[in-house]
C-alpha atoms as a PDB file:
ATOM      1  CA  UNK A   1      -0.413  -0.265  -0.007  1.00  0.00           C
ATOM      2  CA  UNK A   2       1.456   3.373  -1.440  1.00  0.00           C
ATOM      3  CA  UNK A   3       0.865   6.282   1.145  1.00  0.00           C
ATOM      4  CA  UNK A   4      -0.009   9.545  -0.974  1.00  0.00           C
ATOM      5  CA  UNK A   5       0.389  12.610   1.792  1.00  0.00           C
ATOM      6  CA  UNK A   6       0.914  16.033   0.538  1.00  0.00           C
ATOM      7  CA  UNK A   7       3.871  18.480   3.275  1.00  0.00           C
ATOM      8  CA  UNK A   8       0.790  20.071   4.007  1.00  0.00           C
ATOM      9  CA  UNK A   9      -0.911  16.851   5.715  1.00  0.00           C
ATOM     10  CA  UNK A  10       2.225  15.489   7.325  1.00  0.00           C
ATOM     11  CA  UNK A  11       2.494  19.287   8.509  1.00  0.00           C
ATOM     12  CA  UNK A  12      -0.975  19.417  10.138  1.00  0.00           C
ATOM     13  CA  UNK A  13      -0.161  15.579  11.581  1.00  0.00           C
ATOM     14  CA  UNK A  14       2.632  16.653  13.069  1.00  0.00           C
ATOM     15  CA  UNK A  15       0.674  19.548  14.798  1.00  0.00           C
ATOM     16  CA  UNK A  16      -1.897  16.932  15.551  1.00  0.00           C
ATOM     17  CA  UNK A  17      -0.159  14.601  17.855  1.00  0.00           C
ATOM     18  CA  UNK A  18       2.288  17.328  19.096  1.00  0.00           C
ATOM     19  CA  UNK A  19       4.812  16.252  17.705  1.00  0.00           C
ATOM     20  CA  UNK A  20       8.149  17.959  17.265  1.00  0.00           C
ATOM     21  CA  UNK A  21      10.648  17.982  14.109  1.00  0.00           C
ATOM     22  CA  UNK A  22      14.345  18.383  13.739  1.00  0.00           C
ATOM     23  CA  UNK A  23      15.120  20.119  10.809  1.00  0.00           C
ATOM     24  CA  UNK A  24      18.216  18.601   9.249  1.00  0.00           C
ATOM     25  CA  UNK A  25      19.410  21.056   6.581  1.00  0.00           C
ATOM     26  CA  UNK A  26      20.400  19.119   2.955  1.00  0.00           C
ATOM     27  CA  UNK A  27      24.836  18.983   2.575  1.00  0.00           C
ATOM     28  CA  UNK A  28      26.831  19.736   5.699  1.00  0.00           C
ATOM     29  CA  UNK A  29      28.293  17.074   6.742  1.00  0.00           C
ATOM     30  CA  UNK A  30      28.109  18.043  10.890  1.00  0.00           C
ATOM     31  CA  UNK A  31      24.362  17.464  10.757  1.00  0.00           C
ATOM     32  CA  UNK A  32      24.422  13.713   9.455  1.00  0.00           C
ATOM     33  CA  UNK A  33      28.129  13.129  10.006  1.00  0.00           C
ATOM     34  CA  UNK A  34      27.396   9.118  10.241  1.00  0.00           C
ATOM     35  CA  UNK A  35      26.029   9.561   6.593  1.00  0.00           C
ATOM     36  CA  UNK A  36      27.575  11.875   5.335  1.00  0.00           C
ATOM     37  CA  UNK A  37      31.138  10.166   6.271  1.00  0.00           C
ATOM     38  CA  UNK A  38      29.373   6.835   4.002  1.00  0.00           C
ATOM     39  CA  UNK A  39      28.639   9.060   0.701  1.00  0.00           C
ATOM     40  CA  UNK A  40      32.254  10.678   0.675  1.00  0.00           C
ATOM     41  CA  UNK A  41      33.952   7.243   1.080  1.00  0.00           C
ATOM     42  CA  UNK A  42      31.382   5.943  -1.673  1.00  0.00           C
ATOM     43  CA  UNK A  43      31.705   8.391  -3.908  1.00  0.00           C
ATOM     44  CA  UNK A  44      35.576   8.882  -4.126  1.00  0.00           C
ATOM     45  CA  UNK A  45      36.146   5.229  -3.586  1.00  0.00           C
ATOM     46  CA  UNK A  46      33.453   3.785  -6.060  1.00  0.00           C
ATOM     47  CA  UNK A  47      31.335   5.787  -7.824  1.00  0.00           C
ATOM     48  CA  UNK A  48      34.530   8.438  -9.274  1.00  0.00           C
ATOM     49  CA  UNK A  49      36.030   5.271 -10.865  1.00  0.00           C
ATOM     50  CA  UNK A  50      33.091   4.273 -12.839  1.00  0.00           C
ATOM     51  CA  UNK A  51      31.391   3.966 -15.946  1.00  0.00           C
ATOM     52  CA  UNK A  52      27.758   1.691 -15.543  1.00  0.00           C
ATOM     53  CA  UNK A  53      26.587   0.587 -18.793  1.00  0.00           C
ATOM     54  CA  UNK A  54      23.053  -1.244 -17.573  1.00  0.00           C
ATOM     55  CA  UNK A  55      21.397  -0.765 -14.226  1.00  0.00           C
ATOM     56  CA  UNK A  56      22.162  -4.911 -12.983  1.00  0.00           C
ATOM     57  CA  UNK A  57      25.332  -3.632 -14.039  1.00  0.00           C
ATOM     58  CA  UNK A  58      25.374  -1.282 -11.510  1.00  0.00           C
ATOM     59  CA  UNK A  59      23.869  -3.551  -9.398  1.00  0.00           C
ATOM     60  CA  UNK A  60      26.228  -6.360  -9.441  1.00  0.00           C
ATOM     61  CA  UNK A  61      29.615  -3.939  -8.867  1.00  0.00           C
ATOM     62  CA  UNK A  62      27.627  -1.688  -5.585  1.00  0.00           C
ATOM     63  CA  UNK A  63      26.993  -5.640  -3.981  1.00  0.00           C
ATOM     64  CA  UNK A  64      30.796  -6.081  -4.271  1.00  0.00           C
ATOM     65  CA  UNK A  65      31.518  -2.463  -3.266  1.00  0.00           C
ATOM     66  CA  UNK A  66      29.218  -2.959  -0.105  1.00  0.00           C
ATOM     67  CA  UNK A  67      30.381  -6.135   0.778  1.00  0.00           C
ATOM     68  CA  UNK A  68      34.174  -5.371   0.598  1.00  0.00           C
ATOM     69  CA  UNK A  69      32.857  -2.359   2.339  1.00  0.00           C
ATOM     70  CA  UNK A  70      31.507  -4.408   5.243  1.00  0.00           C
ATOM     71  CA  UNK A  71      33.465  -7.716   5.400  1.00  0.00           C
ATOM     72  CA  UNK A  72      37.167  -6.571   4.079  1.00  0.00           C
ATOM     73  CA  UNK A  73      38.080  -3.179   4.547  1.00  0.00           C
ATOM     74  CA  UNK A  74      39.412  -1.592   7.285  1.00  0.00           C
ATOM     75  CA  UNK A  75      37.046   1.701   9.317  1.00  0.00           C
ATOM     76  CA  UNK A  76      39.921   3.440  10.560  1.00  0.00           C
ATOM     77  CA  UNK A  77      43.675   5.081   9.883  1.00  0.00           C
ATOM     78  CA  UNK A  78      44.640   3.432  12.484  1.00  0.00           C
ATOM     79  CA  UNK A  79      43.782  -0.187  10.533  1.00  0.00           C
ATOM     80  CA  UNK A  80      40.842  -1.474  13.097  1.00  0.00           C
ATOM     81  CA  UNK A  81      39.009  -4.354  11.524  1.00  0.00           C
ATOM     82  CA  UNK A  82      35.662  -4.585   9.223  1.00  0.00           C
ATOM     83  CA  UNK A  83      32.308  -3.704  11.328  1.00  0.00           C
ATOM     84  CA  UNK A  84      31.266  -7.001   9.815  1.00  0.00           C
ATOM     85  CA  UNK A  85      34.053  -9.184   9.143  1.00  0.00           C
ATOM     86  CA  UNK A  86      33.376 -12.942   7.741  1.00  0.00           C
ATOM     87  CA  UNK A  87      34.153 -15.863   9.230  1.00  0.00           C
ATOM     88  CA  UNK A  88      34.571 -19.093   7.852  1.00  0.00           C
ATOM     89  CA  UNK A  89      34.154 -22.186  10.282  1.00  0.00           C
ATOM     90  CA  UNK A  90      35.621 -24.939  10.115  1.00  0.00           C
ATOM     91  CA  UNK A  91      33.565 -28.164   9.700  1.00  0.00           C
ATOM     92  CA  UNK A  92      35.083 -31.444  11.221  1.00  0.00           C
ATOM     93  CA  UNK A  93      35.242 -34.763   9.498  1.00  0.00           C
ATOM     94  CA  UNK A  94      31.798 -35.846   8.904  1.00  0.00           C
ATOM     95  CA  UNK A  95      31.319 -39.668   9.220  1.00  0.00           C
ATOM     96  CA  UNK A  96      29.783 -41.357   5.617  1.00  0.00           C
ATOM     97  CA  UNK A  97      25.786 -42.743   6.681  1.00  0.00           C
ATOM     98  CA  UNK A  98      26.183 -46.304   4.507  1.00  0.00           C
END
């Protein structure tokens, strides 16, 4: 189900429920540091070096970069480990069932 809400309806609802909104200016990195930091790295490390000829090609390459970013790439100049390192669980020998 897709909701088609106009900005006027959203503002009216905010007033009706007595909520407060926090305005974040688009662009300034100090307003939303995590997203701006990631977007800058994504742009510098990936988009500036790629040309996509199809949407599918872009999806595959972006997924490959995302996996590298989350599982292999160190996340700090001091060489912190990645945020979600891949782990391989070795399996012991299996008995064969005859």
